[in-house]
PDB file of all heavy atoms in Angstrom:
ATOM      1  N   SER A   1       8.194 -24.397  12.045  1.00  0.00           N
ATOM      2  CA  SER A   1       9.160 -24.099  10.973  1.00  0.00           C
ATOM      3  C   SER A   1       9.135 -22.599  10.694  1.00  0.00           C
ATOM      4  O   SER A   1       8.090 -21.945  10.783  1.00  0.00           O
ATOM      5  CB  SER A   1       8.829 -24.885   9.701  1.00  0.00           C
ATOM      6  OG  SER A   1       7.572 -24.495   9.172  1.00  0.00           O
ATOM      7  N   PHE A   2      10.271 -22.055  10.385  1.00  0.00           N
ATOM      8  CA  PHE A   2      10.424 -20.634  10.049  1.00  0.00           C
ATOM      9  C   PHE A   2      11.232 -20.543   8.759  1.00  0.00           C
ATOM     10  O   PHE A   2      12.257 -21.213   8.599  1.00  0.00           O
ATOM     11  CB  PHE A   2      11.134 -19.877  11.174  1.00  0.00           C
ATOM     12  CG  PHE A   2      11.399 -18.439  10.848  1.00  0.00           C
ATOM     13  CD1 PHE A   2      10.415 -17.481  11.013  1.00  0.00           C
ATOM     14  CD2 PHE A   2      12.639 -18.051  10.369  1.00  0.00           C
ATOM     15  CE1 PHE A   2      10.670 -16.146  10.709  1.00  0.00           C
ATOM     16  CE2 PHE A   2      12.903 -16.727  10.074  1.00  0.00           C
ATOM     17  CZ  PHE A   2      11.908 -15.774  10.246  1.00  0.00           C
ATOM     18  N   ARG A   3      10.745 -19.694   7.861  1.00  0.00           N
ATOM     19  CA  ARG A   3      11.423 -19.570   6.576  1.00  0.00           C
ATOM     20  C   ARG A   3      11.373 -18.117   6.122  1.00  0.00           C
ATOM     21  O   ARG A   3      10.315 -17.488   6.133  1.00  0.00           O
ATOM     22  CB  ARG A   3      10.775 -20.458   5.523  1.00  0.00           C
ATOM     23  CG  ARG A   3      11.470 -20.408   4.161  1.00  0.00           C
ATOM     24  CD  ARG A   3      10.828 -21.378   3.199  1.00  0.00           C
ATOM     25  NE  ARG A   3      11.507 -21.375   1.906  1.00  0.00           N
ATOM     26  CZ  ARG A   3      11.170 -22.149   0.877  1.00  0.00           C
ATOM     27  NH1 ARG A   3      10.147 -23.004   1.020  1.00  0.00           N
ATOM     28  NH2 ARG A   3      11.832 -22.087  -0.249  1.00  0.00           N
ATOM     29  N   ALA A   4      12.519 -17.571   5.764  1.00  0.00           N
ATOM     30  CA  ALA A   4      12.639 -16.207   5.242  1.00  0.00           C
ATOM     31  C   ALA A   4      13.330 -16.271   3.891  1.00  0.00           C
ATOM     32  O   ALA A   4      14.398 -16.891   3.757  1.00  0.00           O
ATOM     33  CB  ALA A   4      13.408 -15.315   6.199  1.00  0.00           C
ATOM     34  N   THR A   5      12.706 -15.637   2.899  1.00  0.00           N
ATOM     35  CA  THR A   5      13.227 -15.679   1.528  1.00  0.00           C
ATOM     36  C   THR A   5      13.320 -14.256   0.990  1.00  0.00           C
ATOM     37  O   THR A   5      12.372 -13.465   1.111  1.00  0.00           O
ATOM     38  CB  THR A   5      12.321 -16.510   0.620  1.00  0.00           C
ATOM     39  OG1 THR A   5      12.175 -17.825   1.168  1.00  0.00           O
ATOM     40  CG2 THR A   5      12.899 -16.602  -0.777  1.00  0.00           C
ATOM     41  N   VAL A   6      14.460 -13.934   0.404  1.00  0.00           N
ATOM     42  CA  VAL A   6      14.680 -12.645  -0.252  1.00  0.00           C
ATOM     43  C   VAL A   6      15.070 -12.942  -1.698  1.00  0.00           C
ATOM     44  O   VAL A   6      16.045 -13.661  -1.943  1.00  0.00           O
ATOM     45  CB  VAL A   6      15.765 -11.818   0.448  1.00  0.00           C
ATOM     46  CG1 VAL A   6      15.997 -10.511  -0.308  1.00  0.00           C
ATOM     47  CG2 VAL A   6      15.379 -11.527   1.884  1.00  0.00           C
ATOM     48  N   SER A   7      14.294 -12.403  -2.626  1.00  0.00           N
ATOM     49  CA  SER A   7      14.574 -12.604  -4.053  1.00  0.00           C
ATOM     50  C   SER A   7      14.777 -11.255  -4.722  1.00  0.00           C
ATOM     51  O   SER A   7      14.154 -10.252  -4.328  1.00  0.00           O
ATOM     52  CB  SER A   7      13.427 -13.358  -4.738  1.00  0.00           C
ATOM     53  OG  SER A   7      12.214 -12.624  -4.659  1.00  0.00           O
ATOM     54  N   GLN A   8      15.642 -11.216  -5.708  1.00  0.00           N
ATOM     55  CA  GLN A   8      15.976  -9.972  -6.402  1.00  0.00           C
ATOM     56  C   GLN A   8      16.033 -10.241  -7.901  1.00  0.00           C
ATOM     57  O   GLN A   8      16.722 -11.151  -8.354  1.00  0.00           O
ATOM     58  CB  GLN A   8      17.330  -9.435  -5.925  1.00  0.00           C
ATOM     59  CG  GLN A   8      17.862  -8.257  -6.720  1.00  0.00           C
ATOM     60  CD  GLN A   8      16.981  -7.032  -6.581  1.00  0.00           C
ATOM     61  OE1 GLN A   8      16.636  -6.648  -5.477  1.00  0.00           O
ATOM     62  NE2 GLN A   8      16.597  -6.427  -7.710  1.00  0.00           N
ATOM     63  N   HIS A   9      15.272  -9.439  -8.662  1.00  0.00           N
ATOM     64  CA  HIS A   9      15.338  -9.516 -10.125  1.00  0.00           C
ATOM     65  C   HIS A   9      16.669  -8.929 -10.587  1.00  0.00           C
ATOM     66  O   HIS A   9      17.055  -7.830 -10.177  1.00  0.00           O
ATOM     67  CB  HIS A   9      14.190  -8.743 -10.756  1.00  0.00           C
ATOM     68  CG  HIS A   9      12.838  -9.345 -10.496  1.00  0.00           C
ATOM     69  ND1 HIS A   9      12.335 -10.405 -11.213  1.00  0.00           N
ATOM     70  CD2 HIS A   9      11.877  -9.035  -9.584  1.00  0.00           C
ATOM     71  CE1 HIS A   9      11.134 -10.724 -10.774  1.00  0.00           C
ATOM     72  NE2 HIS A   9      10.828  -9.909  -9.774  1.00  0.00           N
ATOM     73  N   LEU A  10      17.320  -9.648 -11.459  1.00  0.00           N
ATOM     74  CA  LEU A  10      18.600  -9.190 -11.989  1.00  0.00           C
ATOM     75  C   LEU A  10      18.474  -8.599 -13.386  1.00  0.00           C
ATOM     76  O   LEU A  10      19.249  -7.707 -13.746  1.00  0.00           O
ATOM     77  CB  LEU A  10      19.604 -10.347 -12.007  1.00  0.00           C
ATOM     78  CG  LEU A  10      19.949 -10.933 -10.629  1.00  0.00           C
ATOM     79  CD1 LEU A  10      20.948 -12.080 -10.790  1.00  0.00           C
ATOM     80  CD2 LEU A  10      20.492  -9.864  -9.689  1.00  0.00           C
ATOM     81  N   LEU A  11      17.517  -9.067 -14.166  1.00  0.00           N
ATOM     82  CA  LEU A  11      17.337  -8.548 -15.523  1.00  0.00           C
ATOM     83  C   LEU A  11      15.939  -7.930 -15.642  1.00  0.00           C
ATOM     84  O   LEU A  11      15.744  -6.750 -15.341  1.00  0.00           O
ATOM     85  CB  LEU A  11      17.553  -9.669 -16.542  1.00  0.00           C
ATOM     86  CG  LEU A  11      18.977 -10.257 -16.585  1.00  0.00           C
ATOM     87  CD1 LEU A  11      19.060 -11.401 -17.574  1.00  0.00           C
ATOM     88  CD2 LEU A  11      19.973  -9.164 -16.956  1.00  0.00           C
ATOM     89  N   GLN A  12      14.966  -8.706 -16.055  1.00  0.00           N
ATOM     90  CA  GLN A  12      13.607  -8.178 -16.158  1.00  0.00           C
ATOM     91  C   GLN A  12      13.026  -7.943 -14.769  1.00  0.00           C
ATOM     92  O   GLN A  12      13.083  -8.805 -13.901  1.00  0.00           O
ATOM     93  CB  GLN A  12      12.709  -9.141 -16.935  1.00  0.00           C
ATOM     94  CG  GLN A  12      11.325  -8.595 -17.217  1.00  0.00           C
ATOM     95  CD  GLN A  12      10.455  -9.593 -17.951  1.00  0.00           C
ATOM     96  OE1 GLN A  12      10.630 -10.801 -17.794  1.00  0.00           O
ATOM     97  NE2 GLN A  12       9.546  -9.098 -18.762  1.00  0.00           N
ATOM     98  N   GLY A  13      12.478  -6.764 -14.565  1.00  0.00           N
ATOM     99  CA  GLY A  13      11.929  -6.419 -13.266  1.00  0.00           C
ATOM    100  C   GLY A  13      12.913  -5.757 -12.342  1.00  0.00           C
ATOM    101  O   GLY A  13      12.600  -5.528 -11.171  1.00  0.00           O
ATOM    102  N   PHE A  14      14.106  -5.428 -12.831  1.00  0.00           N
ATOM    103  CA  PHE A  14      15.121  -4.796 -11.991  1.00  0.00           C
ATOM    104  C   PHE A  14      15.116  -3.286 -12.258  1.00  0.00           C
ATOM    105  O   PHE A  14      15.027  -2.839 -13.387  1.00  0.00           O
ATOM    106  CB  PHE A  14      16.518  -5.370 -12.298  1.00  0.00           C
ATOM    107  CG  PHE A  14      17.628  -4.668 -11.564  1.00  0.00           C
ATOM    108  CD1 PHE A  14      17.911  -4.978 -10.247  1.00  0.00           C
ATOM    109  CD2 PHE A  14      18.380  -3.684 -12.187  1.00  0.00           C
ATOM    110  CE1 PHE A  14      18.925  -4.334  -9.568  1.00  0.00           C
ATOM    111  CE2 PHE A  14      19.395  -3.039 -11.522  1.00  0.00           C
ATOM    112  CZ  PHE A  14      19.677  -3.371 -10.207  1.00  0.00           C
ATOM    113  N   GLY A  15      15.184  -2.519 -11.205  1.00  0.00           N
ATOM    114  CA  GLY A  15      15.321  -1.073 -11.390  1.00  0.00           C
ATOM    115  C   GLY A  15      14.238  -0.288 -10.670  1.00  0.00           C
ATOM    116  O   GLY A  15      13.078  -0.687 -10.600  1.00  0.00           O
ATOM    117  N   TRP A  16      14.650   0.861 -10.105  1.00  0.00           N
ATOM    118  CA  TRP A  16      13.760   1.725  -9.350  1.00  0.00           C
ATOM    119  C   TRP A  16      12.688   2.340 -10.247  1.00  0.00           C
ATOM    120  O   TRP A  16      11.501   2.330  -9.938  1.00  0.00           O
ATOM    121  CB  TRP A  16      14.607   2.800  -8.678  1.00  0.00           C
ATOM    122  CG  TRP A  16      13.837   3.796  -7.867  1.00  0.00           C
ATOM    123  CD1 TRP A  16      13.251   4.932  -8.320  1.00  0.00           C
ATOM    124  CD2 TRP A  16      13.569   3.733  -6.470  1.00  0.00           C
ATOM    125  NE1 TRP A  16      12.635   5.599  -7.290  1.00  0.00           N
ATOM    126  CE2 TRP A  16      12.821   4.891  -6.131  1.00  0.00           C
ATOM    127  CE3 TRP A  16      13.893   2.832  -5.459  1.00  0.00           C
ATOM    128  CZ2 TRP A  16      12.400   5.158  -4.841  1.00  0.00           C
ATOM    129  CZ3 TRP A  16      13.473   3.100  -4.168  1.00  0.00           C
ATOM    130  CH2 TRP A  16      12.732   4.240  -3.868  1.00  0.00           C
ATOM    131  N   ASN A  17      13.112   2.904 -11.372  1.00  0.00           N
ATOM    132  CA  ASN A  17      12.163   3.592 -12.244  1.00  0.00           C
ATOM    133  C   ASN A  17      11.181   2.625 -12.899  1.00  0.00           C
ATOM    134  O   ASN A  17      10.018   2.989 -13.140  1.00  0.00           O
ATOM    135  CB  ASN A  17      12.919   4.370 -13.330  1.00  0.00           C
ATOM    136  CG  ASN A  17      13.737   5.510 -12.750  1.00  0.00           C
ATOM    137  OD1 ASN A  17      13.371   6.092 -11.730  1.00  0.00           O
ATOM    138  ND2 ASN A  17      14.860   5.821 -13.385  1.00  0.00           N
ATOM    139  N   LEU A  18      11.629   1.439 -13.194  1.00  0.00           N
ATOM    140  CA  LEU A  18      10.747   0.469 -13.845  1.00  0.00           C
ATOM    141  C   LEU A  18       9.598   0.080 -12.927  1.00  0.00           C
ATOM    142  O   LEU A  18       8.435   0.061 -13.348  1.00  0.00           O
ATOM    143  CB  LEU A  18      11.554  -0.768 -14.244  1.00  0.00           C
ATOM    144  CG  LEU A  18      10.738  -1.938 -14.810  1.00  0.00           C
ATOM    145  CD1 LEU A  18      10.083  -1.549 -16.130  1.00  0.00           C
ATOM    146  CD2 LEU A  18      11.618  -3.162 -14.996  1.00  0.00           C
ATOM    147  N   ASN A  19       9.888  -0.224 -11.692  1.00  0.00           N
ATOM    148  CA  ASN A  19       8.849  -0.685 -10.775  1.00  0.00           C
ATOM    149  C   ASN A  19       7.978   0.452 -10.236  1.00  0.00           C
ATOM    150  O   ASN A  19       6.910   0.194  -9.689  1.00  0.00           O
ATOM    151  CB  ASN A  19       9.483  -1.447  -9.599  1.00  0.00           C
ATOM    152  CG  ASN A  19      10.129  -2.745 -10.042  1.00  0.00           C
ATOM    153  OD1 ASN A  19       9.482  -3.637 -10.579  1.00  0.00           O
ATOM    154  ND2 ASN A  19      11.433  -2.846  -9.823  1.00  0.00           N
ATOM    155  N   ARG A  20       8.448   1.688 -10.385  1.00  0.00           N
ATOM    156  CA  ARG A  20       7.662   2.850  -9.954  1.00  0.00           C
ATOM    157  C   ARG A  20       7.042   3.590 -11.132  1.00  0.00           C
ATOM    158  O   ARG A  20       6.647   4.747 -11.002  1.00  0.00           O
ATOM    159  CB  ARG A  20       8.555   3.809  -9.148  1.00  0.00           C
ATOM    160  CG  ARG A  20       8.960   3.279  -7.791  1.00  0.00           C
ATOM    161  CD  ARG A  20       9.917   4.243  -7.098  1.00  0.00           C
ATOM    162  NE  ARG A  20       9.371   5.587  -7.012  1.00  0.00           N
ATOM    163  CZ  ARG A  20       8.619   6.032  -6.001  1.00  0.00           C
ATOM    164  NH1 ARG A  20       8.331   5.206  -4.989  1.00  0.00           N
ATOM    165  NH2 ARG A  20       8.166   7.256  -5.970  1.00  0.00           N
ATOM    166  N   ARG A  21       6.932   2.939 -12.272  1.00  0.00           N
ATOM    167  CA  ARG A  21       6.412   3.625 -13.459  1.00  0.00           C
ATOM    168  C   ARG A  21       4.950   4.033 -13.291  1.00  0.00           C
ATOM    169  O   ARG A  21       4.539   5.079 -13.791  1.00  0.00           O
ATOM    170  CB  ARG A  21       6.584   2.722 -14.684  1.00  0.00           C
ATOM    171  CG  ARG A  21       5.801   1.411 -14.632  1.00  0.00           C
ATOM    172  CD  ARG A  21       6.158   0.534 -15.835  1.00  0.00           C
ATOM    173  NE  ARG A  21       5.364  -0.695 -15.897  1.00  0.00           N
ATOM    174  CZ  ARG A  21       5.657  -1.805 -15.244  1.00  0.00           C
ATOM    175  NH1 ARG A  21       6.752  -1.833 -14.472  1.00  0.00           N
ATOM    176  NH2 ARG A  21       4.894  -2.881 -15.357  1.00  0.00           N
ATOM    177  N   ASN A  22       4.165   3.208 -12.596  1.00  0.00           N
ATOM    178  CA  ASN A  22       2.758   3.576 -12.400  1.00  0.00           C
ATOM    179  C   ASN A  22       2.621   4.806 -11.512  1.00  0.00           C
ATOM    180  O   ASN A  22       1.687   5.599 -11.678  1.00  0.00           O
ATOM    181  CB  ASN A  22       1.995   2.404 -11.778  1.00  0.00           C
ATOM    182  CG  ASN A  22       1.696   1.318 -12.789  1.00  0.00           C
ATOM    183  OD1 ASN A  22       1.728   1.548 -13.995  1.00  0.00           O
ATOM    184  ND2 ASN A  22       1.405   0.124 -12.309  1.00  0.00           N
ATOM    185  N   ILE A  23       3.532   4.985 -10.561  1.00  0.00           N
ATOM    186  CA  ILE A  23       3.494   6.180  -9.715  1.00  0.00           C
ATOM    187  C   ILE A  23       3.787   7.417 -10.546  1.00  0.00           C
ATOM    188  O   ILE A  23       3.138   8.467 -10.392  1.00  0.00           O
ATOM    189  CB  ILE A  23       4.491   6.041  -8.550  1.00  0.00           C
ATOM    190  CG1 ILE A  23       4.136   4.820  -7.687  1.00  0.00           C
ATOM    191  CG2 ILE A  23       4.521   7.301  -7.704  1.00  0.00           C
ATOM    192  CD1 ILE A  23       5.101   4.585  -6.547  1.00  0.00           C
ATOM    193  N   THR A  24       4.753   7.302 -11.456  1.00  0.00           N
ATOM    194  CA  THR A  24       5.074   8.433 -12.332  1.00  0.00           C
ATOM    195  C   THR A  24       3.900   8.775 -13.231  1.00  0.00           C
ATOM    196  O   THR A  24       3.565   9.954 -13.434  1.00  0.00           O
ATOM    197  CB  THR A  24       6.319   8.107 -13.172  1.00  0.00           C
ATOM    198  OG1 THR A  24       7.410   7.777 -12.306  1.00  0.00           O
ATOM    199  CG2 THR A  24       6.707   9.279 -14.044  1.00  0.00           C
ATOM    200  N   ILE A  25       3.245   7.740 -13.787  1.00  0.00           N
ATOM    201  CA  ILE A  25       2.087   7.983 -14.641  1.00  0.00           C
ATOM    202  C   ILE A  25       0.956   8.630 -13.848  1.00  0.00           C
ATOM    203  O   ILE A  25       0.287   9.561 -14.318  1.00  0.00           O
ATOM    204  CB  ILE A  25       1.620   6.665 -15.286  1.00  0.00           C
ATOM    205  CG1 ILE A  25       2.689   6.126 -16.235  1.00  0.00           C
ATOM    206  CG2 ILE A  25       0.311   6.858 -16.032  1.00  0.00           C
ATOM    207  CD1 ILE A  25       2.359   4.765 -16.814  1.00  0.00           C
TER     208      ILE A  25
END
């Protein structure tokens, strides 16, 4: 069996700056 899943946050957890905040800090 082979399975590929792509998920994308639409509200909470969405955004470049939000997910890279620890890098900025």
